[in-house]
Amino acid sequence: MFAAVVRFLPLITGAHEAGQLPEGASPADSWGDLYDLPVPGAPVLVEFFTGDTDALTITRITWMA
């Protein structure tokens, strides 16, 4: 599963660099800077913070099974 997450992270970072959110991202808090995103094909949820335009922070990776 860790390999699936590592392969998926460029999708998140690429979207952030383009000033967008990756498809399927859902707000994880009321402020709108923290998002959850399921990893396709894996029971894993990646949480990331986008409040800084120059940086992206992966705040949590949760195993759902």
PDB file of N, CA and C in Angstrom:
ATOM      1  N   MET A   1       0.806  -1.185   0.000  1.00  0.00           N
ATOM      2  CA  MET A   1       0.000   0.000   0.000  1.00  0.00           C
ATOM      3  C   MET A   1       0.857   1.259   0.000  1.00  0.00           C
ATOM      4  N   PHE A   2       2.002   1.205   0.712  1.00  0.00           N
ATOM      5  CA  PHE A   2       2.861   2.387   0.758  1.00  0.00           C
ATOM      6  C   PHE A   2       3.313   2.783  -0.647  1.00  0.00           C
ATOM      7  N   ALA A   3       3.619   1.805  -1.489  1.00  0.00           N
ATOM      8  CA  ALA A   3       4.040   2.099  -2.863  1.00  0.00           C
ATOM      9  C   ALA A   3       2.919   2.780  -3.640  1.00  0.00           C
ATOM     10  N   ALA A   4       1.670   2.364  -3.402  1.00  0.00           N
ATOM     11  CA  ALA A   4       0.533   2.995  -4.086  1.00  0.00           C
ATOM     12  C   ALA A   4       0.417   4.458  -3.680  1.00  0.00           C
ATOM     13  N   VAL A   5       0.623   4.732  -2.405  1.00  0.00           N
ATOM     14  CA  VAL A   5       0.559   6.120  -1.928  1.00  0.00           C
ATOM     15  C   VAL A   5       1.671   6.945  -2.549  1.00  0.00           C
ATOM     16  N   VAL A   6       2.899   6.417  -2.569  1.00  0.00           N
ATOM     17  CA  VAL A   6       4.037   7.144  -3.130  1.00  0.00           C
ATOM     18  C   VAL A   6       3.801   7.458  -4.604  1.00  0.00           C
ATOM     19  N   ARG A   7       3.252   6.510  -5.354  1.00  0.00           N
ATOM     20  CA  ARG A   7       2.969   6.748  -6.775  1.00  0.00           C
ATOM     21  C   ARG A   7       1.870   7.786  -6.960  1.00  0.00           C
ATOM     22  N   PHE A   8       0.985   7.922  -5.981  1.00  0.00           N
ATOM     23  CA  PHE A   8      -0.154   8.828  -6.056  1.00  0.00           C
ATOM     24  C   PHE A   8       0.203  10.269  -5.684  1.00  0.00           C
ATOM     25  N   LEU A   9       1.241  10.470  -4.883  1.00  0.00           N
ATOM     26  CA  LEU A   9       1.588  11.807  -4.405  1.00  0.00           C
ATOM     27  C   LEU A   9       1.898  12.809  -5.519  1.00  0.00           C
ATOM     28  N   PRO A  10       2.536  12.417  -6.643  1.00  0.00           N
ATOM     29  CA  PRO A  10       2.755  13.392  -7.715  1.00  0.00           C
ATOM     30  C   PRO A  10       1.461  13.986  -8.270  1.00  0.00           C
ATOM     31  N   LEU A  11       0.360  13.244  -8.237  1.00  0.00           N
ATOM     32  CA  LEU A  11      -0.920  13.784  -8.681  1.00  0.00           C
ATOM     33  C   LEU A  11      -1.348  14.945  -7.788  1.00  0.00           C
ATOM     34  N   ILE A  12      -1.172  14.786  -6.486  1.00  0.00           N
ATOM     35  CA  ILE A  12      -1.536  15.844  -5.541  1.00  0.00           C
ATOM     36  C   ILE A  12      -0.619  17.050  -5.721  1.00  0.00           C
ATOM     37  N   THR A  13       0.684  16.810  -5.766  1.00  0.00           N
ATOM     38  CA  THR A  13       1.620  17.927  -5.870  1.00  0.00           C
ATOM     39  C   THR A  13       1.505  18.626  -7.221  1.00  0.00           C
ATOM     40  N   GLY A  14       1.284  17.873  -8.297  1.00  0.00           N
ATOM     41  CA  GLY A  14       1.128  18.479  -9.622  1.00  0.00           C
ATOM     42  C   GLY A  14      -0.086  19.381  -9.692  1.00  0.00           C
ATOM     43  N   ALA A  15      -1.199  18.941  -9.116  1.00  0.00           N
ATOM     44  CA  ALA A  15      -2.400  19.768  -9.103  1.00  0.00           C
ATOM     45  C   ALA A  15      -2.163  21.030  -8.287  1.00  0.00           C
ATOM     46  N   HIS A  16      -1.491  20.890  -7.144  1.00  0.00           N
ATOM     47  CA  HIS A  16      -1.211  22.051  -6.300  1.00  0.00           C
ATOM     48  C   HIS A  16      -0.324  23.054  -7.026  1.00  0.00           C
ATOM     49  N   GLU A  17       0.689  22.575  -7.737  1.00  0.00           N
ATOM     50  CA  GLU A  17       1.578  23.466  -8.485  1.00  0.00           C
ATOM     51  C   GLU A  17       0.834  24.196  -9.599  1.00  0.00           C
ATOM     52  N   ALA A  18      -0.224  23.585 -10.126  1.00  0.00           N
ATOM     53  CA  ALA A  18      -1.040  24.218 -11.164  1.00  0.00           C
ATOM     54  C   ALA A  18      -2.125  25.124 -10.569  1.00  0.00           C
ATOM     55  N   GLY A  19      -2.145  25.247  -9.235  1.00  0.00           N
ATOM     56  CA  GLY A  19      -3.136  26.083  -8.576  1.00  0.00           C
ATOM     57  C   GLY A  19      -4.505  25.447  -8.482  1.00  0.00           C
ATOM     58  N   GLN A  20      -4.552  24.121  -8.493  1.00  0.00           N
ATOM     59  CA  GLN A  20      -5.820  23.397  -8.463  1.00  0.00           C
ATOM     60  C   GLN A  20      -5.806  22.369  -7.342  1.00  0.00           C
ATOM     61  N   LEU A  21      -6.969  21.759  -7.135  1.00  0.00           N
ATOM     62  CA  LEU A  21      -7.068  20.602  -6.250  1.00  0.00           C
ATOM     63  C   LEU A  21      -7.193  19.360  -7.110  1.00  0.00           C
ATOM     64  N   PRO A  22      -6.621  18.236  -6.686  1.00  0.00           N
ATOM     65  CA  PRO A  22      -6.809  17.011  -7.454  1.00  0.00           C
ATOM     66  C   PRO A  22      -8.271  16.591  -7.437  1.00  0.00           C
ATOM     67  N   GLU A  23      -8.723  15.978  -8.501  1.00  0.00           N
ATOM     68  CA  GLU A  23     -10.104  15.506  -8.597  1.00  0.00           C
ATOM     69  C   GLU A  23     -10.404  14.518  -7.475  1.00  0.00           C
ATOM     70  N   GLY A  24     -11.530  14.709  -6.815  1.00  0.00           N
ATOM     71  CA  GLY A  24     -11.938  13.818  -5.737  1.00  0.00           C
ATOM     72  C   GLY A  24     -11.574  14.307  -4.350  1.00  0.00           C
ATOM     73  N   ALA A  25     -10.846  15.429  -4.259  1.00  0.00           N
ATOM     74  CA  ALA A  25     -10.477  15.962  -2.947  1.00  0.00           C
ATOM     75  C   ALA A  25     -11.706  16.536  -2.251  1.00  0.00           C
ATOM     76  N   SER A  26     -11.807  16.288  -0.958  1.00  0.00           N
ATOM     77  CA  SER A  26     -12.920  16.783  -0.148  1.00  0.00           C
ATOM     78  C   SER A  26     -12.379  17.599   1.018  1.00  0.00           C
ATOM     79  N   PRO A  27     -13.024  18.720   1.343  1.00  0.00           N
ATOM     80  CA  PRO A  27     -12.570  19.502   2.516  1.00  0.00           C
ATOM     81  C   PRO A  27     -12.605  18.658   3.784  1.00  0.00           C
ATOM     82  N   ALA A  28     -11.566  18.760   4.594  1.00  0.00           N
ATOM     83  CA  ALA A  28     -11.490  18.004   5.845  1.00  0.00           C
ATOM     84  C   ALA A  28     -11.734  18.902   7.051  1.00  0.00           C
ATOM     85  N   ASP A  29     -11.862  20.206   6.820  1.00  0.00           N
ATOM     86  CA  ASP A  29     -12.180  21.120   7.919  1.00  0.00           C
ATOM     87  C   ASP A  29     -12.935  22.329   7.374  1.00  0.00           C
ATOM     88  N   SER A  30     -13.421  23.176   8.261  1.00  0.00           N
ATOM     89  CA  SER A  30     -14.247  24.309   7.859  1.00  0.00           C
ATOM     90  C   SER A  30     -13.445  25.461   7.271  1.00  0.00           C
ATOM     91  N   TRP A  31     -12.131  25.445   7.391  1.00  0.00           N
ATOM     92  CA  TRP A  31     -11.308  26.542   6.876  1.00  0.00           C
ATOM     93  C   TRP A  31     -11.030  26.403   5.387  1.00  0.00           C
ATOM     94  N   GLY A  32     -11.120  25.193   4.852  1.00  0.00           N
ATOM     95  CA  GLY A  32     -10.943  24.995   3.420  1.00  0.00           C
ATOM     96  C   GLY A  32      -9.524  24.794   2.953  1.00  0.00           C
ATOM     97  N   ASP A  33      -8.548  24.726   3.865  1.00  0.00           N
ATOM     98  CA  ASP A  33      -7.155  24.509   3.467  1.00  0.00           C
ATOM     99  C   ASP A  33      -6.691  23.072   3.675  1.00  0.00           C
ATOM    100  N   LEU A  34      -7.511  22.279   4.337  1.00  0.00           N
ATOM    101  CA  LEU A  34      -7.162  20.897   4.644  1.00  0.00           C
ATOM    102  C   LEU A  34      -8.108  19.973   3.883  1.00  0.00           C
ATOM    103  N   TYR A  35      -7.536  19.018   3.136  1.00  0.00           N
ATOM    104  CA  TYR A  35      -8.335  18.161   2.257  1.00  0.00           C
ATOM    105  C   TYR A  35      -8.010  16.693   2.461  1.00  0.00           C
ATOM    106  N   ASP A  36      -8.999  15.851   2.205  1.00  0.00           N
ATOM    107  CA  ASP A  36      -8.842  14.397   2.185  1.00  0.00           C
ATOM    108  C   ASP A  36      -8.955  13.925   0.753  1.00  0.00           C
ATOM    109  N   LEU A  37      -8.205  12.897   0.403  1.00  0.00           N
ATOM    110  CA  LEU A  37      -8.261  12.331  -0.939  1.00  0.00           C
ATOM    111  C   LEU A  37      -7.999  10.836  -0.877  1.00  0.00           C
ATOM    112  N   PRO A  38      -8.949  10.017  -1.343  1.00  0.00           N
ATOM    113  CA  PRO A  38      -8.707   8.566  -1.364  1.00  0.00           C
ATOM    114  C   PRO A  38      -7.700   8.201  -2.454  1.00  0.00           C
ATOM    115  N   VAL A  39      -6.866   7.225  -2.169  1.00  0.00           N
ATOM    116  CA  VAL A  39      -5.895   6.735  -3.144  1.00  0.00           C
ATOM    117  C   VAL A  39      -6.592   5.700  -4.021  1.00  0.00           C
ATOM    118  N   PRO A  40      -6.619   5.892  -5.344  1.00  0.00           N
ATOM    119  CA  PRO A  40      -7.304   4.937  -6.224  1.00  0.00           C
ATOM    120  C   PRO A  40      -6.745   3.523  -6.077  1.00  0.00           C
ATOM    121  N   GLY A  41      -7.641   2.573  -5.866  1.00  0.00           N
ATOM    122  CA  GLY A  41      -7.240   1.176  -5.796  1.00  0.00           C
ATOM    123  C   GLY A  41      -6.630   0.738  -4.486  1.00  0.00           C
ATOM    124  N   ALA A  42      -6.633   1.609  -3.471  1.00  0.00           N
ATOM    125  CA  ALA A  42      -6.056   1.247  -2.177  1.00  0.00           C
ATOM    126  C   ALA A  42      -6.947   1.799  -1.065  1.00  0.00           C
ATOM    127  N   PRO A  43      -7.085   1.076   0.037  1.00  0.00           N
ATOM    128  CA  PRO A  43      -7.917   1.550   1.143  1.00  0.00           C
ATOM    129  C   PRO A  43      -7.169   2.568   2.009  1.00  0.00           C
ATOM    130  N   VAL A  44      -6.734   3.645   1.372  1.00  0.00           N
ATOM    131  CA  VAL A  44      -5.895   4.646   2.031  1.00  0.00           C
ATOM    132  C   VAL A  44      -6.460   6.031   1.741  1.00  0.00           C
ATOM    133  N   LEU A  45      -6.417   6.896   2.739  1.00  0.00           N
ATOM    134  CA  LEU A  45      -6.863   8.274   2.606  1.00  0.00           C
ATOM    135  C   LEU A  45      -5.677   9.184   2.912  1.00  0.00           C
ATOM    136  N   VAL A  46      -5.381  10.107   2.000  1.00  0.00           N
ATOM    137  CA  VAL A  46      -4.290  11.065   2.194  1.00  0.00           C
ATOM    138  C   VAL A  46      -4.901  12.405   2.578  1.00  0.00           C
ATOM    139  N   GLU A  47      -4.406  12.988   3.651  1.00  0.00           N
ATOM    140  CA  GLU A  47      -4.853  14.312   4.084  1.00  0.00           C
ATOM    141  C   GLU A  47      -3.713  15.288   3.810  1.00  0.00           C
ATOM    142  N   PHE A  48      -4.036  16.428   3.203  1.00  0.00           N
ATOM    143  CA  PHE A  48      -2.988  17.389   2.888  1.00  0.00           C
ATOM    144  C   PHE A  48      -3.460  18.819   3.124  1.00  0.00           C
ATOM    145  N   PHE A  49      -2.508  19.696   3.448  1.00  0.00           N
ATOM    146  CA  PHE A  49      -2.770  21.093   3.760  1.00  0.00           C
ATOM    147  C   PHE A  49      -2.265  21.955   2.610  1.00  0.00           C
ATOM    148  N   THR A  50      -3.110  22.878   2.126  1.00  0.00           N
ATOM    149  CA  THR A  50      -2.764  23.693   0.962  1.00  0.00           C
ATOM    150  C   THR A  50      -2.726  25.181   1.262  1.00  0.00           C
ATOM    151  N   GLY A  51      -2.681  25.574   2.532  1.00  0.00           N
ATOM    152  CA  GLY A  51      -2.778  26.980   2.897  1.00  0.00           C
ATOM    153  C   GLY A  51      -1.644  27.847   2.399  1.00  0.00           C
ATOM    154  N   ASP A  52      -0.501  27.262   2.060  1.00  0.00           N
ATOM    155  CA  ASP A  52       0.653  28.002   1.563  1.00  0.00           C
ATOM    156  C   ASP A  52       0.789  27.736   0.067  1.00  0.00           C
ATOM    157  N   THR A  53       0.790  28.779  -0.739  1.00  0.00           N
ATOM    158  CA  THR A  53       0.879  28.584  -2.189  1.00  0.00           C
ATOM    159  C   THR A  53       2.248  28.051  -2.626  1.00  0.00           C
ATOM    160  N   ASP A  54       3.265  28.215  -1.781  1.00  0.00           N
ATOM    161  CA  ASP A  54       4.609  27.764  -2.133  1.00  0.00           C
ATOM    162  C   ASP A  54       4.952  26.385  -1.585  1.00  0.00           C
ATOM    163  N   ALA A  55       4.054  25.812  -0.780  1.00  0.00           N
ATOM    164  CA  ALA A  55       4.354  24.516  -0.166  1.00  0.00           C
ATOM    165  C   ALA A  55       3.082  23.707  -0.021  1.00  0.00           C
ATOM    166  N   LEU A  56       3.245  22.415  -0.039  1.00  0.00           N
ATOM    167  CA  LEU A  56       2.147  21.477   0.179  1.00  0.00           C
ATOM    168  C   LEU A  56       2.579  20.537   1.302  1.00  0.00           C
ATOM    169  N   THR A  57       1.729  20.363   2.297  1.00  0.00           N
ATOM    170  CA  THR A  57       2.071  19.526   3.443  1.00  0.00           C
ATOM    171  C   THR A  57       1.141  18.323   3.504  1.00  0.00           C
ATOM    172  N   ILE A  58       1.715  17.120   3.438  1.00  0.00           N
ATOM    173  CA  ILE A  58       0.939  15.902   3.668  1.00  0.00           C
ATOM    174  C   ILE A  58       0.847  15.760   5.190  1.00  0.00           C
ATOM    175  N   THR A  59      -0.361  15.899   5.727  1.00  0.00           N
ATOM    176  CA  THR A  59      -0.515  15.916   7.181  1.00  0.00           C
ATOM    177  C   THR A  59      -0.827  14.556   7.773  1.00  0.00           C
ATOM    178  N   ARG A  60      -1.428  13.653   6.960  1.00  0.00           N
ATOM    179  CA  ARG A  60      -1.777  12.337   7.507  1.00  0.00           C
ATOM    180  C   ARG A  60      -2.044  11.363   6.364  1.00  0.00           C
ATOM    181  N   ILE A  61      -1.647  10.133   6.545  1.00  0.00           N
ATOM    182  CA  ILE A  61      -2.008   9.041   5.634  1.00  0.00           C
ATOM    183  C   ILE A  61      -2.702   7.986   6.484  1.00  0.00           C
ATOM    184  N   THR A  62      -3.972   7.723   6.172  1.00  0.00           N
ATOM    185  CA  THR A  62      -4.789   6.849   7.010  1.00  0.00           C
ATOM    186  C   THR A  62      -5.126   5.550   6.267  1.00  0.00           C
ATOM    187  N   TRP A  63      -4.836   4.430   6.907  1.00  0.00           N
ATOM    188  CA  TRP A  63      -5.211   3.115   6.389  1.00  0.00           C
ATOM    189  C   TRP A  63      -6.668   2.863   6.765  1.00  0.00           C
ATOM    190  N   MET A  64      -7.533   2.591   5.794  1.00  0.00           N
ATOM    191  CA  MET A  64      -8.966   2.499   6.020  1.00  0.00           C
ATOM    192  C   MET A  64      -9.474   1.080   6.282  1.00  0.00           C
ATOM    193  N   ALA A  65      -8.646   0.060   6.082  1.00  0.00           N
ATOM    194  CA  ALA A  65      -9.120  -1.324   6.237  1.00  0.00           C
ATOM    195  C   ALA A  65      -8.900  -1.845   7.633  1.00  0.00           C
TER     196      ALA A  65
END
